[in-house]
Every structure is written in structure tokens, then in C-alpha cells.
Amino acid sequence: MNFSNACTAGFPIWVLIASIIALIHPPAFTWFSGHLITIGLGIIMLGMGLTLTVDDFARIARYPFRVLLGVTLQFTIMPSLGWIIARSFDLPTEFAVGLILVASCPGGTASNVIAYLARADVPLSVTMTSVSTSIAIGATPLLTLFFAGSRIEVPAFGLFLSTVEVILVPVIAGVLMNKYCTNFTARILPAAPPVAVLFITLIVASIIGAGKDYILHSGYKLIAAVFSLHACGFLLGYAVSRIMTRDIIVARTVSIEVGMQNSGLGVVLARNNFTNPAFAIPSAISSLFHSLIASALAAWWRNRLPNKIIMITKNS
């Protein structure tokens, strides 16, 4: 395993270590704040764009049901769970809205790495992440408004503009660079995964450090709510897709896509559109929990059916 793969595979460990340090000594990471967080997420999404080609989106036409199933579950199961869990745990408004916001975000790029480690369908994972990210430009603000609008005035248009800024622009830039600057892209592409891990870790640790008092004051309720959101997301994503497709590999892939959110996007949207920093804390904790759960599942799945790896290839 080369440095890039080792760094990426250790993503949950780095996030966990950085989060603990941030709680003990917040200034170690709180310097990474404001526009630096937005820029960091933009770089992450640019890296995602660099890995995509027009053919990646063309695969939707070849396997429409699998992609449609995964994306539909992403934007129905998770936001609904966010609303149900926020009410069940009686979370304060800022945490409830923050939980619903991150639950309404698309799948994150880390899901593609987990899909590889879990012997799932990596190209299908990449396709679903790409599609859900594209749809999120409109879906995330609308879902947040729908599920959280009764608690607080949700700046849906502001969420839309922020989503365009940190998703659409850098992803399109990455796709264009991949198409028209092939040699340059090939040289910098190996650095994209570790750079993404670095910035996600900085973003999460920064928010946790800045929200130390909120986290410690909230006690078990917020921690349990975020954990429940992702645990149920992985479980329901697997169960529904297994019933619908009767394919273990597809079920693994959909489970990973549904259970893992683009928590960095949740952080940026919360920070840019709500004045209270507590709104961003569920997204930061989300990044830690979904990574730990996904890594545990990947280790479990990797040791089961070791000879059965079904992948959609570009040539299939």
C-alpha cells in the first residue's frame, strides 16, 4: 500500500486523534476557521472533480435503477432520520437543525474509499456520489427547509448559493481540468486523496475545538443522536437495497453511500448561513462517527465473500 492509500485508509484514525486534541486544546485547530474552511472544502471538491469524466456520468444510463435507488434512499432515508432522531432526543433547535442539515447533504468522497476497502462496487459508488452531489445543489437547501423550517427560519436561498459555491464551481473546474489538462491532472491526482483527508480533518477538528463547550454541555444526547443517524442510515440503506436488488455487493455500496454524508459541506453551509456556531457541530461529529462506523463495516465485509467482487467497469 503506497503513502496515498495508507493516508486515506487511516482517515478515521486521523479524524479521531485530531478531534481528541481539539477537545483538549482547541487552539491547536481553531486557527483553521472562516474562509479557510470554505477554501478547504472547495479544494476537496476540486479533487473529486479531477477524478471524474463525462463517461462517469454516462454510466447512469447503463445502470439507471441502481443509481436511482441509491440516490433516492440518500435523500429520503437520511433527512427523515434526521428529523425523527432530532425529535426523539429532544435536541435543542441549533443541534436539531444542524443534524437535519447534515442528514440532507449528499454522499461524501470518503464513501468511495470505504467502498474499495469493503469490496463493494467502486464505480457505482463514484457514480452515486457524483449524482447525489449534483442533485444536492437544490435538494439540500429544500430538504433542510422542509424538515427544519418549523423550528427556525431556514435561509434556503443562502444555502443554495453556498452549495453552488463549494460544490458546483470546484467540481466543474475539476472535470474540465481532467478533460483539457490531462498531463497536469495526472501529475497532481495522486495527491488528491491525502489532501482531502488533511482538509477534512482540519475542518472537523476546528469545529469541534470551537464548539468544545457546546459538546461537553450537550452530554450524551447529541453524541447518541449523531451516532443513531448514521447507524440507522447504514442499516436501512443495506436492508432496502438488498431487498430491492437481491445483490450483496450493490447493497454494500448503497449502504455506504446512504450512511456517509458530506459532513464538510454541512459544516460550511452551517457556518455560512447561521450565526450560532452550534449549528455546525452535528456535522463535525457526523464526520467522525460515519467514518468510524464505515471503517468497521469495511473491515467486516472485506473478510466475507473475499472472492466475490462485482464491479461495474467502464468497458462493461
Protein backbone atom coordinates (compact mmCIF):
# COMPACT_ATOMS: atom_id res chain seq x y z
CA MET A 1 0.00 0.00 0.00
CA ASN A 2 1.51 3.35 -1.07
CA PHE A 3 1.53 6.52 1.01
CA SER A 4 -1.61 7.96 -0.59
CA ASN A 5 -3.67 4.82 0.05
CA ALA A 6 -2.30 4.39 3.57
CA CYS A 7 -3.09 8.00 4.43
CA THR A 8 -6.61 7.71 3.05
CA ALA A 9 -7.34 4.35 4.67
CA GLY A 10 -6.32 5.82 8.03
CA PHE A 11 -8.80 8.69 7.66
CA PRO A 12 -10.98 7.76 10.69
CA ILE A 13 -7.88 7.48 12.88
CA TRP A 14 -6.63 10.95 11.90
CA VAL A 15 -10.06 12.47 12.49
CA LEU A 16 -10.39 10.76 15.87
CA ILE A 17 -6.92 11.85 17.03
CA ALA A 18 -7.43 15.42 15.82
CA SER A 19 -10.86 15.60 17.47
CA ILE A 20 -9.46 14.48 20.82
CA ILE A 21 -6.64 17.02 20.58
CA ALA A 22 -9.18 19.74 19.65
CA LEU A 23 -11.24 18.97 22.76
CA ILE A 24 -8.15 19.03 24.99
CA HIS A 25 -6.50 22.07 23.39
CA PRO A 26 -8.85 23.88 20.95
CA PRO A 27 -6.27 26.45 19.71
CA ALA A 28 -4.39 23.60 18.03
CA PHE A 29 -7.09 23.63 15.32
CA THR A 30 -9.37 26.63 15.79
CA TRP A 31 -6.96 28.76 13.75
CA PHE A 32 -8.39 26.94 10.74
CA SER A 33 -11.65 28.84 10.52
CA GLY A 34 -13.71 31.31 8.47
CA HIS A 35 -12.84 31.38 4.79
CA LEU A 36 -10.17 28.73 5.31
CA ILE A 37 -12.91 26.15 5.90
CA THR A 38 -14.73 27.17 2.72
CA ILE A 39 -11.49 27.09 0.73
CA GLY A 40 -10.59 23.71 2.22
CA LEU A 41 -13.91 22.17 1.17
CA GLY A 42 -13.55 23.74 -2.27
CA ILE A 43 -10.17 22.02 -2.65
CA ILE A 44 -11.73 18.71 -1.57
CA MET A 45 -14.49 19.05 -4.15
CA LEU A 46 -11.96 20.08 -6.82
CA GLY A 47 -10.11 16.85 -6.08
CA MET A 48 -13.35 14.95 -6.56
CA GLY A 49 -13.90 16.69 -9.89
CA LEU A 50 -10.40 15.69 -11.02
CA THR A 51 -11.37 12.02 -10.71
CA LEU A 52 -14.50 12.39 -12.87
CA THR A 53 -15.02 12.22 -16.61
CA VAL A 54 -18.06 12.57 -18.82
CA ASP A 55 -18.09 8.75 -19.07
CA ASP A 56 -18.67 8.51 -15.31
CA PHE A 57 -21.98 10.29 -15.71
CA ALA A 58 -22.78 8.29 -18.85
CA ARG A 59 -22.77 5.12 -16.73
CA ILE A 60 -26.04 6.32 -15.23
CA ALA A 61 -27.76 5.29 -18.46
CA ARG A 62 -26.28 1.78 -18.21
CA TYR A 63 -27.36 1.09 -14.64
CA PRO A 64 -30.18 3.58 -14.00
CA PHE A 65 -32.04 1.57 -11.39
CA ARG A 66 -29.06 1.05 -9.08
CA VAL A 67 -28.04 4.70 -9.27
CA LEU A 68 -31.61 5.93 -8.88
CA LEU A 69 -32.17 3.62 -5.91
CA GLY A 70 -29.04 4.77 -4.10
CA VAL A 71 -29.63 8.47 -4.68
CA THR A 72 -33.32 8.22 -3.76
CA LEU A 73 -32.51 6.47 -0.49
CA GLN A 74 -29.80 9.07 0.19
CA PHE A 75 -32.28 11.94 0.04
CA THR A 76 -35.23 10.20 1.70
CA ILE A 77 -33.87 7.96 4.45
CA MET A 78 -31.28 10.34 5.89
CA PRO A 79 -33.30 13.59 6.08
CA SER A 80 -36.26 11.67 7.51
CA LEU A 81 -34.00 10.03 10.09
CA GLY A 82 -32.52 13.43 10.94
CA TRP A 83 -35.97 14.81 11.70
CA ILE A 84 -37.13 11.73 13.63
CA ILE A 85 -33.96 11.44 15.71
CA ALA A 86 -33.84 15.18 16.48
CA ARG A 87 -37.38 14.94 17.87
CA SER A 88 -36.75 11.63 19.65
CA PHE A 89 -33.74 13.01 21.52
CA ASP A 90 -35.43 16.39 22.04
CA LEU A 91 -32.37 18.22 20.75
CA PRO A 92 -32.09 21.98 21.15
CA THR A 93 -33.00 23.90 18.00
CA GLU A 94 -29.42 24.56 16.88
CA PHE A 95 -28.44 20.90 17.17
CA ALA A 96 -31.70 19.66 15.64
CA VAL A 97 -31.35 21.92 12.60
CA GLY A 98 -27.67 21.06 12.31
CA LEU A 99 -28.49 17.35 12.38
CA ILE A 100 -31.17 17.73 9.71
CA LEU A 101 -28.80 19.82 7.60
CA VAL A 102 -26.02 17.22 7.56
CA ALA A 103 -28.60 14.47 7.00
CA SER A 104 -29.74 16.36 3.90
CA CYS A 105 -26.24 16.54 2.44
CA PRO A 106 -25.07 14.25 -0.39
CA GLY A 107 -22.63 11.38 -0.06
CA GLY A 108 -19.02 12.31 0.63
CA THR A 109 -15.91 11.41 -1.32
CA ALA A 110 -14.71 9.25 1.58
CA SER A 111 -17.50 6.80 0.69
CA ASN A 112 -15.60 5.85 -2.46
CA VAL A 113 -12.57 4.86 -0.42
CA ILE A 114 -14.71 2.85 2.00
CA ALA A 115 -16.41 1.12 -0.95
CA TYR A 116 -12.99 -0.01 -2.15
CA LEU A 117 -11.96 -1.27 1.28
CA ALA A 118 -15.30 -3.07 1.74
CA ARG A 119 -15.04 -4.90 -1.61
CA ALA A 120 -18.13 -3.06 -2.78
CA ASP A 121 -18.84 -1.64 -6.26
CA VAL A 122 -16.42 1.30 -6.50
CA PRO A 123 -17.55 2.69 -9.89
CA LEU A 124 -21.17 2.55 -8.74
CA SER A 125 -20.15 4.36 -5.55
CA VAL A 126 -18.37 7.07 -7.54
CA THR A 127 -21.38 7.46 -9.85
CA MET A 128 -23.84 7.74 -6.96
CA THR A 129 -21.62 10.26 -5.18
CA SER A 130 -21.37 12.32 -8.36
CA VAL A 131 -25.12 12.27 -8.97
CA SER A 132 -26.09 12.98 -5.35
CA THR A 133 -23.57 15.83 -5.23
CA SER A 134 -25.08 17.36 -8.37
CA ILE A 135 -28.64 17.00 -7.08
CA ALA A 136 -27.65 18.40 -3.66
CA ILE A 137 -27.33 21.89 -5.13
CA GLY A 138 -31.11 22.10 -4.98
CA ALA A 139 -32.05 19.15 -2.77
CA THR A 140 -30.04 20.02 0.34
CA PRO A 141 -31.48 23.53 0.82
CA LEU A 142 -35.05 22.35 0.07
CA LEU A 143 -34.88 19.32 2.35
CA THR A 144 -33.43 21.39 5.18
CA LEU A 145 -36.20 23.94 4.72
CA PHE A 146 -38.87 21.21 4.64
CA PHE A 147 -37.71 19.31 7.73
CA ALA A 148 -36.34 22.18 9.82
CA GLY A 149 -38.44 25.14 8.66
CA SER A 150 -40.87 24.73 11.55
CA ARG A 151 -38.07 25.20 14.10
CA ILE A 152 -36.27 28.20 12.69
CA GLU A 153 -36.20 30.43 9.63
CA VAL A 154 -34.02 28.48 7.22
CA PRO A 155 -32.11 30.65 4.70
CA ALA A 156 -32.84 28.32 1.78
CA PHE A 157 -31.51 30.69 -0.89
CA GLY A 158 -28.35 31.30 1.10
CA LEU A 159 -27.88 27.54 1.45
CA PHE A 160 -28.36 27.23 -2.32
CA LEU A 161 -25.74 29.87 -3.10
CA SER A 162 -23.27 28.31 -0.65
CA THR A 163 -23.85 24.88 -2.17
CA VAL A 164 -23.20 26.22 -5.66
CA GLU A 165 -20.04 27.90 -4.41
CA VAL A 166 -18.50 24.88 -2.71
CA ILE A 167 -19.82 22.10 -4.98
CA LEU A 168 -20.73 23.18 -8.49
CA VAL A 169 -17.83 25.51 -9.24
CA PRO A 170 -14.92 23.35 -7.98
CA VAL A 171 -16.36 20.06 -9.31
CA ILE A 172 -16.90 21.51 -12.79
CA ALA A 173 -13.41 23.02 -12.66
CA GLY A 174 -12.01 19.59 -11.78
CA VAL A 175 -13.90 17.85 -14.59
CA LEU A 176 -12.70 20.45 -17.12
CA MET A 177 -9.11 20.11 -15.90
CA ASN A 178 -9.37 16.34 -16.26
CA LYS A 179 -10.59 16.75 -19.83
CA TYR A 180 -8.38 19.56 -21.11
CA CYS A 181 -5.28 19.43 -18.86
CA THR A 182 -4.71 15.70 -18.89
CA ASN A 183 -0.99 15.66 -18.19
CA PHE A 184 -1.20 18.18 -15.35
CA THR A 185 -4.15 16.34 -13.83
CA ALA A 186 -2.30 13.03 -13.99
CA ARG A 187 0.61 14.54 -12.04
CA ILE A 188 -1.45 16.05 -9.23
CA LEU A 189 -4.19 13.39 -8.96
CA PRO A 190 -2.22 11.05 -6.63
CA ALA A 191 -2.06 13.89 -4.10
CA ALA A 192 -5.83 14.46 -4.11
CA PRO A 193 -6.83 11.75 -1.55
CA PRO A 194 -4.31 12.68 1.18
CA VAL A 195 -5.02 16.39 0.63
CA ALA A 196 -8.75 15.69 1.04
CA VAL A 197 -8.06 13.75 4.25
CA LEU A 198 -5.94 16.63 5.57
CA PHE A 199 -8.57 19.29 4.94
CA ILE A 200 -11.49 17.19 6.23
CA THR A 201 -9.51 16.51 9.41
CA LEU A 202 -8.73 20.21 9.83
CA ILE A 203 -12.36 21.20 9.25
CA VAL A 204 -13.75 18.67 11.72
CA ALA A 205 -11.17 19.39 14.41
CA SER A 206 -11.65 23.14 14.01
CA ILE A 207 -15.41 22.93 14.53
CA ILE A 208 -15.09 20.52 17.45
CA GLY A 209 -12.48 22.74 19.09
CA ALA A 210 -14.58 25.87 18.60
CA GLY A 211 -17.66 24.08 19.94
CA LYS A 212 -15.97 22.37 22.87
CA ASP A 213 -18.28 23.95 25.46
CA TYR A 214 -21.40 23.08 23.44
CA ILE A 215 -20.28 19.48 23.03
CA LEU A 216 -19.39 18.97 26.68
CA HIS A 217 -22.60 20.66 27.79
CA SER A 218 -24.81 18.60 25.47
CA GLY A 219 -23.56 15.39 27.01
CA TYR A 220 -24.72 12.07 25.61
CA LYS A 221 -27.80 13.34 23.75
CA LEU A 222 -26.03 14.94 20.80
CA ILE A 223 -23.44 12.15 20.57
CA ALA A 224 -26.15 9.47 20.68
CA ALA A 225 -28.28 11.32 18.13
CA VAL A 226 -25.48 11.64 15.57
CA PHE A 227 -24.40 8.03 16.08
CA SER A 228 -28.01 6.84 15.68
CA LEU A 229 -28.41 8.85 12.47
CA HIS A 230 -25.53 7.11 10.76
CA ALA A 231 -26.02 3.65 12.26
CA CYS A 232 -29.64 3.64 11.07
CA GLY A 233 -28.61 5.07 7.71
CA PHE A 234 -26.15 2.25 7.06
CA LEU A 235 -28.65 -0.36 8.25
CA LEU A 236 -31.66 0.88 6.28
CA GLY A 237 -29.56 1.57 3.19
CA TYR A 238 -28.34 -2.02 3.21
CA ALA A 239 -31.70 -3.61 4.05
CA VAL A 240 -33.78 -1.73 1.47
CA SER A 241 -31.26 -2.11 -1.36
CA ARG A 242 -30.75 -5.82 -0.56
CA ILE A 243 -34.50 -6.39 -0.78
CA MET A 244 -34.81 -4.34 -3.97
CA THR A 245 -31.80 -5.74 -5.87
CA ARG A 246 -31.03 -9.06 -4.13
CA ASP A 247 -27.37 -8.22 -4.76
CA ILE A 248 -24.99 -8.22 -1.79
CA ILE A 249 -22.36 -6.05 -3.45
CA VAL A 250 -24.88 -3.42 -4.55
CA ALA A 251 -26.39 -3.48 -1.04
CA ARG A 252 -22.98 -2.81 0.48
CA THR A 253 -22.40 0.06 -1.91
CA VAL A 254 -25.76 1.70 -1.33
CA SER A 255 -25.41 1.25 2.44
CA ILE A 256 -22.10 3.10 2.36
CA GLU A 257 -23.47 5.89 0.18
CA VAL A 258 -26.57 6.35 2.35
CA GLY A 259 -24.74 6.13 5.67
CA MET A 260 -21.91 8.53 4.81
CA GLN A 261 -22.61 12.22 4.31
CA ASN A 262 -20.53 15.10 3.01
CA SER A 263 -20.11 16.43 6.54
CA GLY A 264 -17.63 19.05 5.40
CA LEU A 265 -20.35 20.55 3.25
CA GLY A 266 -22.67 20.53 6.26
CA VAL A 267 -20.09 22.44 8.28
CA VAL A 268 -19.61 25.10 5.60
CA LEU A 269 -23.34 25.54 5.00
CA ALA A 270 -23.99 25.87 8.73
CA ARG A 271 -21.14 28.31 9.31
CA ASN A 272 -22.03 30.47 6.30
CA ASN A 273 -25.76 30.67 6.91
CA PHE A 274 -26.37 30.54 10.69
CA THR A 275 -24.85 32.95 13.18
CA ASN A 276 -24.71 30.45 16.07
CA PRO A 277 -21.60 28.19 15.70
CA ALA A 278 -23.52 25.36 17.40
CA PHE A 279 -25.36 24.66 14.13
CA ALA A 280 -22.12 23.28 12.64
CA ILE A 281 -21.28 20.90 15.50
CA PRO A 282 -23.53 17.98 14.42
CA SER A 283 -21.78 17.99 11.03
CA ALA A 284 -18.35 17.86 12.66
CA ILE A 285 -19.34 14.97 14.93
CA SER A 286 -21.02 13.32 11.96
CA SER A 287 -17.73 13.15 10.07
CA LEU A 288 -16.14 11.27 12.95
CA PHE A 289 -18.95 8.78 13.51
CA HIS A 290 -19.75 7.89 9.93
CA SER A 291 -16.06 7.29 9.28
CA LEU A 292 -15.67 5.00 12.29
CA ILE A 293 -18.83 3.03 11.53
CA ALA A 294 -17.97 2.74 7.84
CA SER A 295 -14.43 1.60 8.58
CA ALA A 296 -15.72 -1.11 10.93
CA LEU A 297 -18.20 -2.28 8.29
CA ALA A 298 -15.48 -2.28 5.63
CA ALA A 299 -13.26 -4.48 7.79
CA TRP A 300 -16.18 -6.86 8.44
CA TRP A 301 -17.32 -7.04 4.82
CA ARG A 302 -13.80 -7.37 3.47
CA ASN A 303 -13.43 -10.68 5.32
CA ARG A 304 -16.71 -12.02 3.98
CA LEU A 305 -17.16 -13.25 0.41
CA PRO A 306 -13.48 -12.47 -0.30
CA ASN A 307 -13.62 -13.92 -3.80
CA LYS A 308 -16.80 -12.19 -4.87
CA ILE A 309 -16.03 -8.67 -6.07
CA ILE A 310 -18.54 -7.44 -8.62
CA MET A 311 -17.60 -4.13 -10.17
CA ILE A 312 -19.10 -2.07 -12.95
CA THR A 313 -16.28 -1.15 -15.29
CA LYS A 314 -16.22 1.46 -17.95
CA ASN A 315 -15.82 -1.22 -20.57
CA SER A 316 -18.73 -3.37 -19.39
